[in-house]
Amino acid sequence: MQLRNVLKELQKQGLQIISSHKGFSRHVIEVTGKAPAHLPVLTETKNGQTRQVRPAKLHGQIIIFIER
């Protein structure tokens, strides 16, 4: 599925897209919004800041829900 279709679907669900970039084999899209509760919570460090994220996949692309 094309990236723009994935982005449209995320926006339709009411999620705010922070950034997207090409990973090793698929796109990584960072969003804010209500993440499903069944997703695991991971702690990552990006740009010197520690944050909690919930990773998921949508149509073969990686979606990362940013916990704020």
N, C-alpha and C. Protein backbone atom coordinates (compact mmCIF):
# COMPACT_ATOMS: atom_id res chain seq x y z
N MET A 1 0.85 -1.18 0.00
CA MET A 1 0.00 0.00 0.00
C MET A 1 0.89 1.24 0.00
N GLN A 2 0.46 2.26 -0.70
CA GLN A 2 1.25 3.48 -0.78
C GLN A 2 1.21 4.24 0.53
N LEU A 3 2.28 4.97 0.76
CA LEU A 3 2.41 5.71 2.01
C LEU A 3 1.30 6.74 2.19
N ARG A 4 0.92 7.43 1.14
CA ARG A 4 -0.10 8.47 1.29
C ARG A 4 -1.44 7.89 1.72
N ASN A 5 -1.77 6.66 1.28
CA ASN A 5 -3.01 6.02 1.72
C ASN A 5 -2.98 5.70 3.20
N VAL A 6 -1.82 5.28 3.70
CA VAL A 6 -1.67 5.00 5.13
C VAL A 6 -1.82 6.30 5.92
N LEU A 7 -1.21 7.38 5.44
CA LEU A 7 -1.31 8.67 6.12
C LEU A 7 -2.76 9.17 6.16
N LYS A 8 -3.49 9.00 5.06
CA LYS A 8 -4.90 9.41 5.02
C LYS A 8 -5.72 8.62 6.03
N GLU A 9 -5.46 7.32 6.12
CA GLU A 9 -6.21 6.49 7.06
C GLU A 9 -5.92 6.88 8.50
N LEU A 10 -4.67 7.20 8.81
CA LEU A 10 -4.33 7.64 10.17
C LEU A 10 -5.01 8.95 10.51
N GLN A 11 -5.03 9.89 9.57
CA GLN A 11 -5.69 11.18 9.81
C GLN A 11 -7.19 11.00 9.97
N LYS A 12 -7.77 10.05 9.22
CA LYS A 12 -9.20 9.78 9.33
C LYS A 12 -9.55 9.24 10.72
N GLN A 13 -8.61 8.54 11.35
CA GLN A 13 -8.81 8.01 12.69
C GLN A 13 -8.59 9.07 13.77
N GLY A 14 -8.24 10.28 13.37
CA GLY A 14 -8.08 11.38 14.33
C GLY A 14 -6.69 11.45 14.95
N LEU A 15 -5.70 10.84 14.32
CA LEU A 15 -4.34 10.87 14.86
C LEU A 15 -3.55 12.00 14.21
N GLN A 16 -2.70 12.64 14.99
CA GLN A 16 -1.86 13.72 14.48
C GLN A 16 -0.51 13.13 14.09
N ILE A 17 -0.10 13.33 12.85
CA ILE A 17 1.16 12.79 12.35
C ILE A 17 2.29 13.77 12.68
N ILE A 18 3.29 13.28 13.42
CA ILE A 18 4.42 14.11 13.81
C ILE A 18 5.51 14.06 12.73
N SER A 19 5.87 12.84 12.32
CA SER A 19 6.91 12.70 11.29
C SER A 19 6.81 11.33 10.64
N SER A 20 7.44 11.21 9.49
CA SER A 20 7.57 9.91 8.84
C SER A 20 8.92 9.88 8.16
N HIS A 21 9.54 8.71 8.18
CA HIS A 21 10.82 8.54 7.51
C HIS A 21 10.95 7.10 7.06
N LYS A 22 11.83 6.89 6.11
CA LYS A 22 12.05 5.56 5.57
C LYS A 22 12.98 4.80 6.48
N GLY A 23 12.51 3.65 6.97
CA GLY A 23 13.34 2.77 7.78
C GLY A 23 14.13 1.84 6.88
N PHE A 24 14.62 0.75 7.44
CA PHE A 24 15.42 -0.20 6.67
C PHE A 24 14.62 -0.83 5.54
N SER A 25 13.42 -1.31 5.85
CA SER A 25 12.63 -1.98 4.82
C SER A 25 11.20 -1.43 4.70
N ARG A 26 10.82 -0.50 5.54
CA ARG A 26 9.47 0.07 5.50
C ARG A 26 9.49 1.46 6.11
N HIS A 27 8.40 2.19 5.96
CA HIS A 27 8.31 3.53 6.51
C HIS A 27 7.98 3.47 8.00
N VAL A 28 8.49 4.44 8.74
CA VAL A 28 8.19 4.59 10.16
C VAL A 28 7.44 5.91 10.31
N ILE A 29 6.24 5.83 10.87
CA ILE A 29 5.38 7.00 11.01
C ILE A 29 5.13 7.23 12.50
N GLU A 30 5.47 8.42 12.98
CA GLU A 30 5.26 8.77 14.38
C GLU A 30 3.98 9.59 14.49
N VAL A 31 3.08 9.17 15.39
CA VAL A 31 1.80 9.85 15.56
C VAL A 31 1.51 10.08 17.04
N THR A 32 0.65 11.06 17.31
CA THR A 32 0.13 11.24 18.66
C THR A 32 -1.38 11.02 18.59
N GLY A 33 -1.93 10.58 19.67
CA GLY A 33 -3.35 10.28 19.74
C GLY A 33 -3.55 9.09 20.65
N LYS A 34 -4.76 8.62 20.74
CA LYS A 34 -5.10 7.51 21.62
C LYS A 34 -4.67 6.19 20.98
N ALA A 35 -3.71 5.54 21.61
CA ALA A 35 -3.21 4.25 21.14
C ALA A 35 -4.06 3.13 21.72
N PRO A 36 -4.24 2.04 20.99
CA PRO A 36 -4.95 0.89 21.55
C PRO A 36 -4.24 0.37 22.79
N ALA A 37 -5.01 -0.01 23.80
CA ALA A 37 -4.44 -0.41 25.09
C ALA A 37 -3.67 -1.72 25.04
N HIS A 38 -3.94 -2.56 24.06
CA HIS A 38 -3.29 -3.87 24.00
C HIS A 38 -1.85 -3.81 23.47
N LEU A 39 -1.43 -2.66 22.96
CA LEU A 39 -0.07 -2.53 22.44
C LEU A 39 0.93 -2.42 23.58
N PRO A 40 2.11 -3.03 23.42
CA PRO A 40 3.12 -2.94 24.49
C PRO A 40 3.72 -1.53 24.57
N VAL A 41 4.14 -1.15 25.76
CA VAL A 41 4.77 0.15 25.96
C VAL A 41 6.28 -0.05 25.99
N LEU A 42 7.00 0.69 25.16
CA LEU A 42 8.45 0.64 25.11
C LEU A 42 9.01 2.00 25.49
N THR A 43 10.19 2.01 26.06
CA THR A 43 10.87 3.25 26.38
C THR A 43 12.04 3.41 25.41
N GLU A 44 12.10 4.56 24.75
CA GLU A 44 13.19 4.81 23.81
C GLU A 44 13.79 6.18 24.08
N THR A 45 15.01 6.36 23.63
CA THR A 45 15.68 7.65 23.75
C THR A 45 15.89 8.19 22.34
N LYS A 46 15.42 9.41 22.11
CA LYS A 46 15.57 10.06 20.81
C LYS A 46 15.98 11.50 21.06
N ASN A 47 17.07 11.91 20.44
CA ASN A 47 17.61 13.26 20.59
C ASN A 47 17.86 13.60 22.06
N GLY A 48 18.33 12.62 22.82
CA GLY A 48 18.66 12.85 24.22
C GLY A 48 17.49 12.86 25.17
N GLN A 49 16.27 12.65 24.67
CA GLN A 49 15.09 12.64 25.53
C GLN A 49 14.51 11.23 25.57
N THR A 50 14.11 10.81 26.75
CA THR A 50 13.48 9.51 26.93
C THR A 50 11.98 9.67 26.82
N ARG A 51 11.35 8.77 26.06
CA ARG A 51 9.90 8.83 25.89
C ARG A 51 9.32 7.42 25.82
N GLN A 52 8.04 7.31 26.10
CA GLN A 52 7.36 6.03 26.02
C GLN A 52 6.56 5.97 24.73
N VAL A 53 6.70 4.86 24.01
CA VAL A 53 6.02 4.70 22.73
C VAL A 53 5.31 3.36 22.68
N ARG A 54 4.33 3.25 21.79
CA ARG A 54 3.62 2.00 21.53
C ARG A 54 3.73 1.72 20.03
N PRO A 55 4.49 0.69 19.64
CA PRO A 55 4.63 0.38 18.21
C PRO A 55 3.47 -0.49 17.70
N ALA A 56 3.14 -0.31 16.42
CA ALA A 56 2.10 -1.11 15.76
C ALA A 56 2.43 -1.16 14.27
N LYS A 57 1.72 -2.00 13.52
CA LYS A 57 1.86 -2.06 12.08
C LYS A 57 0.53 -1.77 11.43
N LEU A 58 0.56 -1.07 10.30
CA LEU A 58 -0.63 -0.78 9.52
C LEU A 58 -0.26 -0.92 8.07
N HIS A 59 -0.84 -1.88 7.38
CA HIS A 59 -0.58 -2.13 5.97
C HIS A 59 0.92 -2.28 5.68
N GLY A 60 1.63 -2.95 6.57
CA GLY A 60 3.06 -3.20 6.36
C GLY A 60 3.97 -2.07 6.78
N GLN A 61 3.42 -0.95 7.24
CA GLN A 61 4.23 0.18 7.68
C GLN A 61 4.23 0.19 9.21
N ILE A 62 5.28 0.73 9.81
CA ILE A 62 5.40 0.78 11.26
C ILE A 62 4.82 2.11 11.76
N ILE A 63 3.89 2.00 12.70
CA ILE A 63 3.28 3.17 13.31
C ILE A 63 3.75 3.22 14.76
N ILE A 64 4.26 4.38 15.20
CA ILE A 64 4.71 4.54 16.57
C ILE A 64 3.84 5.60 17.24
N PHE A 65 3.08 5.17 18.25
CA PHE A 65 2.24 6.08 19.02
C PHE A 65 3.11 6.69 20.12
N ILE A 66 3.21 8.00 20.14
CA ILE A 66 4.01 8.72 21.13
C ILE A 66 3.14 9.03 22.33
N GLU A 67 3.55 8.58 23.50
CA GLU A 67 2.83 8.86 24.74
C GLU A 67 3.30 10.22 25.26
N ARG A 68 2.38 11.12 25.47
CA ARG A 68 2.75 12.45 25.98
C ARG A 68 2.19 12.66 27.35
